[in-house]
Amino acid sequence: MRSIFAIVVVAFCLSACNSYGSGSAGPPNTDRLSEEEKHRLYSAALAISESPLDTESFKDVCKKIGIFNEHSKPNDKYMIFVAAHVDWVTKPETDQFRKKIDTKEKARDYLNQYGVR
């Protein structure tokens, strides 16, 4: 439940700041990640900090999964992804993954596997 709250807060903060950019969808290798991997990376990025908007890791993940532009601003895919992520995180089958990243250290290790600093 904390993850859902964090997702909603992040989405509203970004939208309230009117920081939406219309730039590119992200790095060219974004298409190589499955939707499942994108949601896992996003969850891990949220889990490493109490204020993920302030972390470079969160921005890097958002660029990697194609929801931030090259200027680290949300693009037109951001809100669609966040809405899908809320659905993803509430599925019972995600429990196992959430347990895998249940500490900041475990979440950081998961991100490191994908080359996120």
PDB file of N, CA and C in Angstrom:
ATOM      1  N   MET A   1       0.813  -1.179   0.000  1.00  0.00           N
ATOM      2  CA  MET A   1       0.000   0.000   0.000  1.00  0.00           C
ATOM      3  C   MET A   1       0.866   1.255   0.000  1.00  0.00           C
ATOM      4  N   ARG A   2       2.009   1.221   0.674  1.00  0.00           N
ATOM      5  CA  ARG A   2       2.917   2.360   0.703  1.00  0.00           C
ATOM      6  C   ARG A   2       3.416   2.681  -0.692  1.00  0.00           C
ATOM      7  N   SER A   3       3.639   1.653  -1.517  1.00  0.00           N
ATOM      8  CA  SER A   3       4.101   1.862  -2.888  1.00  0.00           C
ATOM      9  C   SER A   3       3.059   2.603  -3.706  1.00  0.00           C
ATOM     10  N   ILE A   4       1.811   2.256  -3.530  1.00  0.00           N
ATOM     11  CA  ILE A   4       0.747   2.928  -4.277  1.00  0.00           C
ATOM     12  C   ILE A   4       0.704   4.397  -3.888  1.00  0.00           C
ATOM     13  N   PHE A   5       0.796   4.662  -2.595  1.00  0.00           N
ATOM     14  CA  PHE A   5       0.786   6.042  -2.137  1.00  0.00           C
ATOM     15  C   PHE A   5       1.966   6.812  -2.726  1.00  0.00           C
ATOM     16  N   ALA A   6       3.146   6.206  -2.730  1.00  0.00           N
ATOM     17  CA  ALA A   6       4.332   6.864  -3.286  1.00  0.00           C
ATOM     18  C   ALA A   6       4.149   7.148  -4.767  1.00  0.00           C
ATOM     19  N   ILE A   7       3.578   6.226  -5.501  1.00  0.00           N
ATOM     20  CA  ILE A   7       3.347   6.419  -6.930  1.00  0.00           C
ATOM     21  C   ILE A   7       2.408   7.589  -7.162  1.00  0.00           C
ATOM     22  N   VAL A   8       1.333   7.622  -6.415  1.00  0.00           N
ATOM     23  CA  VAL A   8       0.355   8.696  -6.576  1.00  0.00           C
ATOM     24  C   VAL A   8       0.978  10.042  -6.222  1.00  0.00           C
ATOM     25  N   VAL A   9       1.746  10.093  -5.142  1.00  0.00           N
ATOM     26  CA  VAL A   9       2.388  11.342  -4.736  1.00  0.00           C
ATOM     27  C   VAL A   9       3.353  11.823  -5.811  1.00  0.00           C
ATOM     28  N   VAL A  10       4.163  10.924  -6.330  1.00  0.00           N
ATOM     29  CA  VAL A  10       5.111  11.289  -7.380  1.00  0.00           C
ATOM     30  C   VAL A  10       4.370  11.813  -8.603  1.00  0.00           C
ATOM     31  N   ALA A  11       3.335  11.121  -9.024  1.00  0.00           N
ATOM     32  CA  ALA A  11       2.580  11.544 -10.205  1.00  0.00           C
ATOM     33  C   ALA A  11       1.968  12.918  -9.999  1.00  0.00           C
ATOM     34  N   PHE A  12       1.372  13.147  -8.836  1.00  0.00           N
ATOM     35  CA  PHE A  12       0.749  14.448  -8.581  1.00  0.00           C
ATOM     36  C   PHE A  12       1.778  15.555  -8.449  1.00  0.00           C
ATOM     37  N   CYS A  13       2.904  15.263  -7.831  1.00  0.00           N
ATOM     38  CA  CYS A  13       3.947  16.285  -7.711  1.00  0.00           C
ATOM     39  C   CYS A  13       4.430  16.713  -9.087  1.00  0.00           C
ATOM     40  N   LEU A  14       4.662  15.751  -9.936  1.00  0.00           N
ATOM     41  CA  LEU A  14       5.139  16.078 -11.270  1.00  0.00           C
ATOM     42  C   LEU A  14       4.090  16.840 -12.052  1.00  0.00           C
ATOM     43  N   SER A  15       2.849  16.453 -11.932  1.00  0.00           N
ATOM     44  CA  SER A  15       1.811  17.140 -12.672  1.00  0.00           C
ATOM     45  C   SER A  15       1.555  18.519 -12.090  1.00  0.00           C
ATOM     46  N   ALA A  16       1.634  18.684 -10.789  1.00  0.00           N
ATOM     47  CA  ALA A  16       1.414  19.987 -10.158  1.00  0.00           C
ATOM     48  C   ALA A  16       2.523  20.972 -10.511  1.00  0.00           C
ATOM     49  N   CYS A  17       3.707  20.456 -10.719  1.00  0.00           N
ATOM     50  CA  CYS A  17       4.828  21.316 -11.084  1.00  0.00           C
ATOM     51  C   CYS A  17       4.791  21.691 -12.556  1.00  0.00           C
ATOM     52  N   ASN A  18       3.858  21.128 -13.282  1.00  0.00           N
ATOM     53  CA  ASN A  18       3.737  21.376 -14.718  1.00  0.00           C
ATOM     54  C   ASN A  18       5.055  21.136 -15.431  1.00  0.00           C
ATOM     55  N   SER A  19       5.696  20.032 -15.082  1.00  0.00           N
ATOM     56  CA  SER A  19       7.020  19.755 -15.628  1.00  0.00           C
ATOM     57  C   SER A  19       6.994  18.773 -16.782  1.00  0.00           C
ATOM     58  N   TYR A  20       5.824  18.526 -17.340  1.00  0.00           N
ATOM     59  CA  TYR A  20       5.750  17.583 -18.436  1.00  0.00           C
ATOM     60  C   TYR A  20       6.510  18.097 -19.635  1.00  0.00           C
ATOM     61  N   GLY A  21       7.331  17.227 -20.196  1.00  0.00           N
ATOM     62  CA  GLY A  21       8.059  17.555 -21.409  1.00  0.00           C
ATOM     63  C   GLY A  21       7.550  16.695 -22.528  1.00  0.00           C
ATOM     64  N   SER A  22       7.723  17.148 -23.718  1.00  0.00           N
ATOM     65  CA  SER A  22       7.229  16.373 -24.852  1.00  0.00           C
ATOM     66  C   SER A  22       8.369  15.746 -25.622  1.00  0.00           C
ATOM     67  N   GLY A  23       9.542  15.681 -25.016  1.00  0.00           N
ATOM     68  CA  GLY A  23      10.717  15.183 -25.720  1.00  0.00           C
ATOM     69  C   GLY A  23      10.628  13.717 -26.055  1.00  0.00           C
ATOM     70  N   SER A  24      11.764  13.162 -26.371  1.00  0.00           N
ATOM     71  CA  SER A  24      11.821  11.776 -26.827  1.00  0.00           C
ATOM     72  C   SER A  24      11.404  10.803 -25.739  1.00  0.00           C
ATOM     73  N   ALA A  25      11.083   9.606 -26.145  1.00  0.00           N
ATOM     74  CA  ALA A  25      10.577   8.590 -25.235  1.00  0.00           C
ATOM     75  C   ALA A  25      11.661   8.006 -24.343  1.00  0.00           C
ATOM     76  N   GLY A  26      12.923   8.221 -24.640  1.00  0.00           N
ATOM     77  CA  GLY A  26      13.975   7.680 -23.802  1.00  0.00           C
ATOM     78  C   GLY A  26      15.037   7.003 -24.618  1.00  0.00           C
ATOM     79  N   PRO A  27      15.899   6.276 -23.951  1.00  0.00           N
ATOM     80  CA  PRO A  27      16.993   5.623 -24.647  1.00  0.00           C
ATOM     81  C   PRO A  27      16.485   4.610 -25.668  1.00  0.00           C
ATOM     82  N   PRO A  28      17.246   4.399 -26.735  1.00  0.00           N
ATOM     83  CA  PRO A  28      16.807   3.477 -27.780  1.00  0.00           C
ATOM     84  C   PRO A  28      16.590   2.056 -27.303  1.00  0.00           C
ATOM     85  N   ASN A  29      17.279   1.608 -26.258  1.00  0.00           N
ATOM     86  CA  ASN A  29      17.130   0.219 -25.798  1.00  0.00           C
ATOM     87  C   ASN A  29      15.914   0.014 -24.908  1.00  0.00           C
ATOM     88  N   THR A  30      15.083   1.032 -24.733  1.00  0.00           N
ATOM     89  CA  THR A  30      13.891   0.932 -23.892  1.00  0.00           C
ATOM     90  C   THR A  30      12.990  -0.206 -24.332  1.00  0.00           C
ATOM     91  N   ASP A  31      12.859  -0.424 -25.622  1.00  0.00           N
ATOM     92  CA  ASP A  31      11.971  -1.458 -26.133  1.00  0.00           C
ATOM     93  C   ASP A  31      12.422  -2.868 -25.746  1.00  0.00           C
ATOM     94  N   ARG A  32      13.649  -3.011 -25.345  1.00  0.00           N
ATOM     95  CA  ARG A  32      14.153  -4.339 -24.975  1.00  0.00           C
ATOM     96  C   ARG A  32      13.668  -4.787 -23.606  1.00  0.00           C
ATOM     97  N   LEU A  33      13.208  -3.863 -22.803  1.00  0.00           N
ATOM     98  CA  LEU A  33      12.681  -4.215 -21.488  1.00  0.00           C
ATOM     99  C   LEU A  33      11.226  -4.636 -21.625  1.00  0.00           C
ATOM    100  N   SER A  34      10.877  -5.709 -20.946  1.00  0.00           N
ATOM    101  CA  SER A  34       9.470  -6.116 -20.938  1.00  0.00           C
ATOM    102  C   SER A  34       8.695  -5.160 -20.034  1.00  0.00           C
ATOM    103  N   GLU A  35       7.384  -5.174 -20.147  1.00  0.00           N
ATOM    104  CA  GLU A  35       6.559  -4.345 -19.268  1.00  0.00           C
ATOM    105  C   GLU A  35       6.796  -4.744 -17.815  1.00  0.00           C
ATOM    106  N   GLU A  36       6.941  -6.019 -17.560  1.00  0.00           N
ATOM    107  CA  GLU A  36       7.209  -6.509 -16.203  1.00  0.00           C
ATOM    108  C   GLU A  36       8.513  -5.914 -15.667  1.00  0.00           C
ATOM    109  N   GLU A  37       9.570  -5.931 -16.477  1.00  0.00           N
ATOM    110  CA  GLU A  37      10.850  -5.366 -16.049  1.00  0.00           C
ATOM    111  C   GLU A  37      10.736  -3.867 -15.777  1.00  0.00           C
ATOM    112  N   LYS A  38       9.989  -3.168 -16.608  1.00  0.00           N
ATOM    113  CA  LYS A  38       9.803  -1.727 -16.402  1.00  0.00           C
ATOM    114  C   LYS A  38       9.128  -1.463 -15.060  1.00  0.00           C
ATOM    115  N   HIS A  39       8.101  -2.223 -14.748  1.00  0.00           N
ATOM    116  CA  HIS A  39       7.405  -2.026 -13.477  1.00  0.00           C
ATOM    117  C   HIS A  39       8.294  -2.406 -12.293  1.00  0.00           C
ATOM    118  N   ARG A  40       9.075  -3.431 -12.451  1.00  0.00           N
ATOM    119  CA  ARG A  40       9.995  -3.827 -11.379  1.00  0.00           C
ATOM    120  C   ARG A  40      11.048  -2.748 -11.140  1.00  0.00           C
ATOM    121  N   LEU A  41      11.613  -2.218 -12.209  1.00  0.00           N
ATOM    122  CA  LEU A  41      12.608  -1.154 -12.067  1.00  0.00           C
ATOM    123  C   LEU A  41      12.003   0.080 -11.403  1.00  0.00           C
ATOM    124  N   TYR A  42      10.818   0.447 -11.828  1.00  0.00           N
ATOM    125  CA  TYR A  42      10.146   1.610 -11.257  1.00  0.00           C
ATOM    126  C   TYR A  42       9.882   1.389  -9.763  1.00  0.00           C
ATOM    127  N   SER A  43       9.428   0.197  -9.403  1.00  0.00           N
ATOM    128  CA  SER A  43       9.182  -0.128  -7.989  1.00  0.00           C
ATOM    129  C   SER A  43      10.463  -0.033  -7.178  1.00  0.00           C
ATOM    130  N   ALA A  44      11.541  -0.576  -7.709  1.00  0.00           N
ATOM    131  CA  ALA A  44      12.821  -0.536  -7.000  1.00  0.00           C
ATOM    132  C   ALA A  44      13.313   0.906  -6.856  1.00  0.00           C
ATOM    133  N   ALA A  45      13.112   1.712  -7.889  1.00  0.00           N
ATOM    134  CA  ALA A  45      13.524   3.123  -7.812  1.00  0.00           C
ATOM    135  C   ALA A  45      12.730   3.864  -6.748  1.00  0.00           C
ATOM    136  N   LEU A  46      11.461   3.549  -6.613  1.00  0.00           N
ATOM    137  CA  LEU A  46      10.646   4.159  -5.564  1.00  0.00           C
ATOM    138  C   LEU A  46      11.094   3.691  -4.174  1.00  0.00           C
ATOM    139  N   ALA A  47      11.552   2.455  -4.089  1.00  0.00           N
ATOM    140  CA  ALA A  47      11.880   1.855  -2.796  1.00  0.00           C
ATOM    141  C   ALA A  47      13.201   2.338  -2.203  1.00  0.00           C
ATOM    142  N   ILE A  48      14.063   2.938  -3.011  1.00  0.00           N
ATOM    143  CA  ILE A  48      15.380   3.304  -2.480  1.00  0.00           C
ATOM    144  C   ILE A  48      15.403   4.638  -1.751  1.00  0.00           C
ATOM    145  N   SER A  49      14.315   5.382  -1.797  1.00  0.00           N
ATOM    146  CA  SER A  49      14.324   6.708  -1.181  1.00  0.00           C
ATOM    147  C   SER A  49      12.943   7.097  -0.671  1.00  0.00           C
ATOM    148  N   GLU A  50      12.937   7.896   0.376  1.00  0.00           N
ATOM    149  CA  GLU A  50      11.677   8.447   0.886  1.00  0.00           C
ATOM    150  C   GLU A  50      11.157   9.539  -0.044  1.00  0.00           C
ATOM    151  N   SER A  51      12.063  10.162  -0.810  1.00  0.00           N
ATOM    152  CA  SER A  51      11.665  11.198  -1.768  1.00  0.00           C
ATOM    153  C   SER A  51      12.335  10.909  -3.112  1.00  0.00           C
ATOM    154  N   PRO A  52      11.769   9.973  -3.864  1.00  0.00           N
ATOM    155  CA  PRO A  52      12.406   9.519  -5.095  1.00  0.00           C
ATOM    156  C   PRO A  52      12.624  10.608  -6.135  1.00  0.00           C
ATOM    157  N   LEU A  53      11.801  11.644  -6.155  1.00  0.00           N
ATOM    158  CA  LEU A  53      11.986  12.718  -7.134  1.00  0.00           C
ATOM    159  C   LEU A  53      13.348  13.378  -7.019  1.00  0.00           C
ATOM    160  N   ASP A  54      13.941  13.296  -5.836  1.00  0.00           N
ATOM    161  CA  ASP A  54      15.224  13.935  -5.595  1.00  0.00           C
ATOM    162  C   ASP A  54      16.416  13.053  -5.943  1.00  0.00           C
ATOM    163  N   THR A  55      16.177  11.843  -6.387  1.00  0.00           N
ATOM    164  CA  THR A  55      17.295  10.944  -6.648  1.00  0.00           C
ATOM    165  C   THR A  55      17.584  10.808  -8.137  1.00  0.00           C
ATOM    166  N   GLU A  56      18.850  10.712  -8.431  1.00  0.00           N
ATOM    167  CA  GLU A  56      19.272  10.490  -9.820  1.00  0.00           C
ATOM    168  C   GLU A  56      18.856   9.090 -10.272  1.00  0.00           C
ATOM    169  N   SER A  57      18.837   8.145  -9.343  1.00  0.00           N
ATOM    170  CA  SER A  57      18.443   6.780  -9.695  1.00  0.00           C
ATOM    171  C   SER A  57      17.021   6.739 -10.227  1.00  0.00           C
ATOM    172  N   PHE A  58      16.107   7.457  -9.569  1.00  0.00           N
ATOM    173  CA  PHE A  58      14.723   7.493 -10.023  1.00  0.00           C
ATOM    174  C   PHE A  58      14.653   8.082 -11.435  1.00  0.00           C
ATOM    175  N   LYS A  59      15.348   9.185 -11.645  1.00  0.00           N
ATOM    176  CA  LYS A  59      15.358   9.821 -12.965  1.00  0.00           C
ATOM    177  C   LYS A  59      15.958   8.885 -14.011  1.00  0.00           C
ATOM    178  N   ASP A  60      17.048   8.202 -13.645  1.00  0.00           N
ATOM    179  CA  ASP A  60      17.687   7.268 -14.578  1.00  0.00           C
ATOM    180  C   ASP A  60      16.740   6.132 -14.959  1.00  0.00           C
ATOM    181  N   VAL A  61      16.043   5.590 -13.962  1.00  0.00           N
ATOM    182  CA  VAL A  61      15.088   4.512 -14.243  1.00  0.00           C
ATOM    183  C   VAL A  61      13.981   5.020 -15.150  1.00  0.00           C
ATOM    184  N   CYS A  62      13.444   6.194 -14.843  1.00  0.00           N
ATOM    185  CA  CYS A  62      12.358   6.743 -15.662  1.00  0.00           C
ATOM    186  C   CYS A  62      12.804   6.978 -17.099  1.00  0.00           C
ATOM    187  N   LYS A  63      14.053   7.397 -17.290  1.00  0.00           N
ATOM    188  CA  LYS A  63      14.575   7.542 -18.661  1.00  0.00           C
ATOM    189  C   LYS A  63      14.745   6.170 -19.304  1.00  0.00           C
ATOM    190  N   LYS A  64      15.269   5.231 -18.534  1.00  0.00           N
ATOM    191  CA  LYS A  64      15.525   3.880 -19.065  1.00  0.00           C
ATOM    192  C   LYS A  64      14.237   3.193 -19.520  1.00  0.00           C
ATOM    193  N   ILE A  65      13.155   3.416 -18.788  1.00  0.00           N
ATOM    194  CA  ILE A  65      11.902   2.743 -19.143  1.00  0.00           C
ATOM    195  C   ILE A  65      11.047   3.576 -20.092  1.00  0.00           C
ATOM    196  N   GLY A  66      11.545   4.764 -20.451  1.00  0.00           N
ATOM    197  CA  GLY A  66      10.902   5.552 -21.498  1.00  0.00           C
ATOM    198  C   GLY A  66       9.794   6.488 -21.062  1.00  0.00           C
ATOM    199  N   ILE A  67       9.781   6.874 -19.771  1.00  0.00           N
ATOM    200  CA  ILE A  67       8.716   7.775 -19.325  1.00  0.00           C
ATOM    201  C   ILE A  67       9.235   9.165 -18.956  1.00  0.00           C
ATOM    202  N   PHE A  68      10.555   9.367 -19.025  1.00  0.00           N
ATOM    203  CA  PHE A  68      11.171  10.687 -18.882  1.00  0.00           C
ATOM    204  C   PHE A  68      11.928  10.971 -20.172  1.00  0.00           C
ATOM    205  N   ASN A  69      12.019  12.247 -20.521  1.00  0.00           N
ATOM    206  CA  ASN A  69      12.798  12.630 -21.690  1.00  0.00           C
ATOM    207  C   ASN A  69      14.270  12.788 -21.313  1.00  0.00           C
ATOM    208  N   GLU A  70      15.071  13.221 -22.259  1.00  0.00           N
ATOM    209  CA  GLU A  70      16.516  13.349 -22.021  1.00  0.00           C
ATOM    210  C   GLU A  70      16.850  14.439 -21.007  1.00  0.00           C
ATOM    211  N   HIS A  71      15.892  15.304 -20.675  1.00  0.00           N
ATOM    212  CA  HIS A  71      16.088  16.357 -19.684  1.00  0.00           C
ATOM    213  C   HIS A  71      15.538  15.961 -18.311  1.00  0.00           C
ATOM    214  N   SER A  72      15.274  14.683 -18.128  1.00  0.00           N
ATOM    215  CA  SER A  72      14.743  14.142 -16.870  1.00  0.00           C
ATOM    216  C   SER A  72      13.396  14.729 -16.494  1.00  0.00           C
ATOM    217  N   LYS A  73      12.568  14.960 -17.490  1.00  0.00           N
ATOM    218  CA  LYS A  73      11.209  15.456 -17.287  1.00  0.00           C
ATOM    219  C   LYS A  73      10.226  14.422 -17.829  1.00  0.00           C
ATOM    220  N   PRO A  74       9.084  14.267 -17.165  1.00  0.00           N
ATOM    221  CA  PRO A  74       8.079  13.305 -17.644  1.00  0.00           C
ATOM    222  C   PRO A  74       7.648  13.623 -19.075  1.00  0.00           C
ATOM    223  N   ASN A  75       7.476  12.573 -19.867  1.00  0.00           N
ATOM    224  CA  ASN A  75       6.987  12.750 -21.230  1.00  0.00           C
ATOM    225  C   ASN A  75       5.524  12.312 -21.300  1.00  0.00           C
ATOM    226  N   ASP A  76       4.996  12.242 -22.497  1.00  0.00           N
ATOM    227  CA  ASP A  76       3.582  11.913 -22.672  1.00  0.00           C
ATOM    228  C   ASP A  76       3.230  10.483 -22.271  1.00  0.00           C
ATOM    229  N   LYS A  77       4.201   9.635 -22.032  1.00  0.00           N
ATOM    230  CA  LYS A  77       3.944   8.250 -21.615  1.00  0.00           C
ATOM    231  C   LYS A  77       3.900   8.097 -20.087  1.00  0.00           C
ATOM    232  N   TYR A  78       4.296   9.138 -19.371  1.00  0.00           N
ATOM    233  CA  TYR A  78       4.441   9.026 -17.921  1.00  0.00           C
ATOM    234  C   TYR A  78       3.141   8.656 -17.201  1.00  0.00           C
ATOM    235  N   MET A  79       2.099   9.437 -17.382  1.00  0.00           N
ATOM    236  CA  MET A  79       0.846   9.186 -16.650  1.00  0.00           C
ATOM    237  C   MET A  79       0.216   7.853 -17.046  1.00  0.00           C
ATOM    238  N   ILE A  80       0.355   7.467 -18.300  1.00  0.00           N
ATOM    239  CA  ILE A  80      -0.162   6.165 -18.746  1.00  0.00           C
ATOM    240  C   ILE A  80       0.564   5.050 -18.003  1.00  0.00           C
ATOM    241  N   PHE A  81       1.892   5.183 -17.894  1.00  0.00           N
ATOM    242  CA  PHE A  81       2.676   4.170 -17.194  1.00  0.00           C
ATOM    243  C   PHE A  81       2.307   4.126 -15.709  1.00  0.00           C
ATOM    244  N   VAL A  82       2.193   5.282 -15.080  1.00  0.00           N
ATOM    245  CA  VAL A  82       1.872   5.321 -13.647  1.00  0.00           C
ATOM    246  C   VAL A  82       0.517   4.666 -13.388  1.00  0.00           C
ATOM    247  N   ALA A  83      -0.449   4.930 -14.242  1.00  0.00           N
ATOM    248  CA  ALA A  83      -1.769   4.294 -14.081  1.00  0.00           C
ATOM    249  C   ALA A  83      -1.642   2.774 -14.201  1.00  0.00           C
ATOM    250  N   ALA A  84      -0.863   2.319 -15.170  1.00  0.00           N
ATOM    251  CA  ALA A  84      -0.648   0.875 -15.334  1.00  0.00           C
ATOM    252  C   ALA A  84       0.126   0.314 -14.144  1.00  0.00           C
ATOM    253  N   HIS A  85       1.038   1.117 -13.597  1.00  0.00           N
ATOM    254  CA  HIS A  85       1.838   0.652 -12.470  1.00  0.00           C
ATOM    255  C   HIS A  85       0.974   0.457 -11.222  1.00  0.00           C
ATOM    256  N   VAL A  86       0.018   1.328 -11.016  1.00  0.00           N
ATOM    257  CA  VAL A  86      -0.894   1.168  -9.876  1.00  0.00           C
ATOM    258  C   VAL A  86      -1.621  -0.172 -10.000  1.00  0.00           C
ATOM    259  N   ASP A  87      -2.058  -0.506 -11.196  1.00  0.00           N
ATOM    260  CA  ASP A  87      -2.697  -1.816 -11.416  1.00  0.00           C
ATOM    261  C   ASP A  87      -1.708  -2.948 -11.169  1.00  0.00           C
ATOM    262  N   TRP A  88      -0.495  -2.802 -11.691  1.00  0.00           N
ATOM    263  CA  TRP A  88       0.527  -3.847 -11.565  1.00  0.00           C
ATOM    264  C   TRP A  88       0.848  -4.119 -10.100  1.00  0.00           C
ATOM    265  N   VAL A  89       1.026  -3.065  -9.330  1.00  0.00           N
ATOM    266  CA  VAL A  89       1.470  -3.227  -7.946  1.00  0.00           C
ATOM    267  C   VAL A  89       0.398  -3.854  -7.062  1.00  0.00           C
ATOM    268  N   THR A  90      -0.848  -3.794  -7.474  1.00  0.00           N
ATOM    269  CA  THR A  90      -1.921  -4.376  -6.666  1.00  0.00           C
ATOM    270  C   THR A  90      -2.197  -5.843  -6.982  1.00  0.00           C
ATOM    271  N   LYS A  91      -1.547  -6.376  -7.983  1.00  0.00           N
ATOM    272  CA  LYS A  91      -1.741  -7.788  -8.330  1.00  0.00           C
ATOM    273  C   LYS A  91      -1.053  -8.680  -7.295  1.00  0.00           C
ATOM    274  N   PRO A  92      -1.706  -9.751  -6.907  1.00  0.00           N
ATOM    275  CA  PRO A  92      -1.102 -10.654  -5.906  1.00  0.00           C
ATOM    276  C   PRO A  92       0.235 -11.240  -6.359  1.00  0.00           C
ATOM    277  N   GLU A  93       0.403 -11.437  -7.645  1.00  0.00           N
ATOM    278  CA  GLU A  93       1.651 -12.046  -8.131  1.00  0.00           C
ATOM    279  C   GLU A  93       2.867 -11.132  -7.985  1.00  0.00           C
ATOM    280  N   THR A  94       2.664  -9.867  -7.649  1.00  0.00           N
ATOM    281  CA  THR A  94       3.808  -8.971  -7.441  1.00  0.00           C
ATOM    282  C   THR A  94       4.356  -9.052  -6.023  1.00  0.00           C
ATOM    283  N   ASP A  95       3.655  -9.752  -5.142  1.00  0.00           N
ATOM    284  CA  ASP A  95       4.105  -9.882  -3.754  1.00  0.00           C
ATOM    285  C   ASP A  95       5.517 -10.447  -3.658  1.00  0.00           C
ATOM    286  N   GLN A  96       5.800 -11.452  -4.443  1.00  0.00           N
ATOM    287  CA  GLN A  96       7.119 -12.082  -4.391  1.00  0.00           C
ATOM    288  C   GLN A  96       8.209 -11.072  -4.750  1.00  0.00           C
ATOM    289  N   PHE A  97       7.961 -10.254  -5.765  1.00  0.00           N
ATOM    290  CA  PHE A  97       8.958  -9.256  -6.135  1.00  0.00           C
ATOM    291  C   PHE A  97       9.106  -8.200  -5.041  1.00  0.00           C
ATOM    292  N   ARG A  98       7.998  -7.749  -4.488  1.00  0.00           N
ATOM    293  CA  ARG A  98       8.074  -6.738  -3.423  1.00  0.00           C
ATOM    294  C   ARG A  98       8.903  -7.248  -2.250  1.00  0.00           C
ATOM    295  N   LYS A  99       8.806  -8.531  -1.954  1.00  0.00           N
ATOM    296  CA  LYS A  99       9.627  -9.110  -0.886  1.00  0.00           C
ATOM    297  C   LYS A  99      11.101  -9.120  -1.280  1.00  0.00           C
ATOM    298  N   LYS A 100      11.358  -9.249  -2.567  1.00  0.00           N
ATOM    299  CA  LYS A 100      12.735  -9.275  -3.074  1.00  0.00           C
ATOM    300  C   LYS A 100      13.429  -7.920  -2.891  1.00  0.00           C
ATOM    301  N   ILE A 101      12.654  -6.832  -2.866  1.00  0.00           N
ATOM    302  CA  ILE A 101      13.229  -5.486  -2.726  1.00  0.00           C
ATOM    303  C   ILE A 101      12.703  -4.794  -1.466  1.00  0.00           C
ATOM    304  N   ASP A 102      12.513  -5.541  -0.391  1.00  0.00           N
ATOM    305  CA  ASP A 102      11.872  -4.985   0.804  1.00  0.00           C
ATOM    306  C   ASP A 102      12.779  -4.128   1.687  1.00  0.00           C
ATOM    307  N   THR A 103      14.011  -3.910   1.283  1.00  0.00           N
ATOM    308  CA  THR A 103      14.888  -2.954   1.965  1.00  0.00           C
ATOM    309  C   THR A 103      15.508  -2.060   0.898  1.00  0.00           C
ATOM    310  N   LYS A 104      15.997  -0.914   1.337  1.00  0.00           N
ATOM    311  CA  LYS A 104      16.654  -0.002   0.394  1.00  0.00           C
ATOM    312  C   LYS A 104      17.869  -0.659  -0.251  1.00  0.00           C
ATOM    313  N   GLU A 105      18.591  -1.449   0.523  1.00  0.00           N
ATOM    314  CA  GLU A 105      19.783  -2.118   0.011  1.00  0.00           C
ATOM    315  C   GLU A 105      19.433  -3.138  -1.075  1.00  0.00           C
ATOM    316  N   LYS A 106      18.378  -3.909  -0.830  1.00  0.00           N
ATOM    317  CA  LYS A 106      17.954  -4.899  -1.829  1.00  0.00           C
ATOM    318  C   LYS A 106      17.448  -4.208  -3.093  1.00  0.00           C
ATOM    319  N   ALA A 107      16.727  -3.116  -2.920  1.00  0.00           N
ATOM    320  CA  ALA A 107      16.232  -2.369  -4.083  1.00  0.00           C
ATOM    321  C   ALA A 107      17.404  -1.793  -4.874  1.00  0.00           C
ATOM    322  N   ARG A 108      18.410  -1.258  -4.178  1.00  0.00           N
ATOM    323  CA  ARG A 108      19.604  -0.711  -4.825  1.00  0.00           C
ATOM    324  C   ARG A 108      20.338  -1.818  -5.589  1.00  0.00           C
ATOM    325  N   ASP A 109      20.482  -2.991  -4.984  1.00  0.00           N
ATOM    326  CA  ASP A 109      21.132  -4.117  -5.659  1.00  0.00           C
ATOM    327  C   ASP A 109      20.381  -4.502  -6.928  1.00  0.00           C
ATOM    328  N   TYR A 110      19.059  -4.488  -6.857  1.00  0.00           N
ATOM    329  CA  TYR A 110      18.254  -4.814  -8.036  1.00  0.00           C
ATOM    330  C   TYR A 110      18.512  -3.801  -9.151  1.00  0.00           C
ATOM    331  N   LEU A 111      18.519  -2.526  -8.809  1.00  0.00           N
ATOM    332  CA  LEU A 111      18.787  -1.495  -9.815  1.00  0.00           C
ATOM    333  C   LEU A 111      20.187  -1.632 -10.403  1.00  0.00           C
ATOM    334  N   ASN A 112      21.154  -1.976  -9.550  1.00  0.00           N
ATOM    335  CA  ASN A 112      22.525  -2.160 -10.039  1.00  0.00           C
ATOM    336  C   ASN A 112      22.626  -3.247 -11.096  1.00  0.00           C
ATOM    337  N   GLN A 113      21.783  -4.266 -10.992  1.00  0.00           N
ATOM    338  CA  GLN A 113      21.786  -5.342 -11.988  1.00  0.00           C
ATOM    339  C   GLN A 113      21.424  -4.819 -13.380  1.00  0.00           C
ATOM    340  N   TYR A 114      20.703  -3.710 -13.419  1.00  0.00           N
ATOM    341  CA  TYR A 114      20.290  -3.097 -14.685  1.00  0.00           C
ATOM    342  C   TYR A 114      21.145  -1.895 -15.045  1.00  0.00           C
ATOM    343  N   GLY A 115      22.229  -1.708 -14.316  1.00  0.00           N
ATOM    344  CA  GLY A 115      23.144  -0.626 -14.614  1.00  0.00           C
ATOM    345  C   GLY A 115      22.661   0.744 -14.188  1.00  0.00           C
ATOM    346  N   VAL A 116      21.723   0.780 -13.252  1.00  0.00           N
ATOM    347  CA  VAL A 116      21.234   2.058 -12.741  1.00  0.00           C
ATOM    348  C   VAL A 116      22.072   2.408 -11.515  1.00  0.00           C
ATOM    349  N   ARG A 117      22.602   3.587 -11.509  1.00  0.00           N
ATOM    350  CA  ARG A 117      23.454   4.015 -10.387  1.00  0.00           C
ATOM    351  C   ARG A 117      22.657   4.505  -9.215  1.00  0.00           C
TER     352      ARG A 117
END
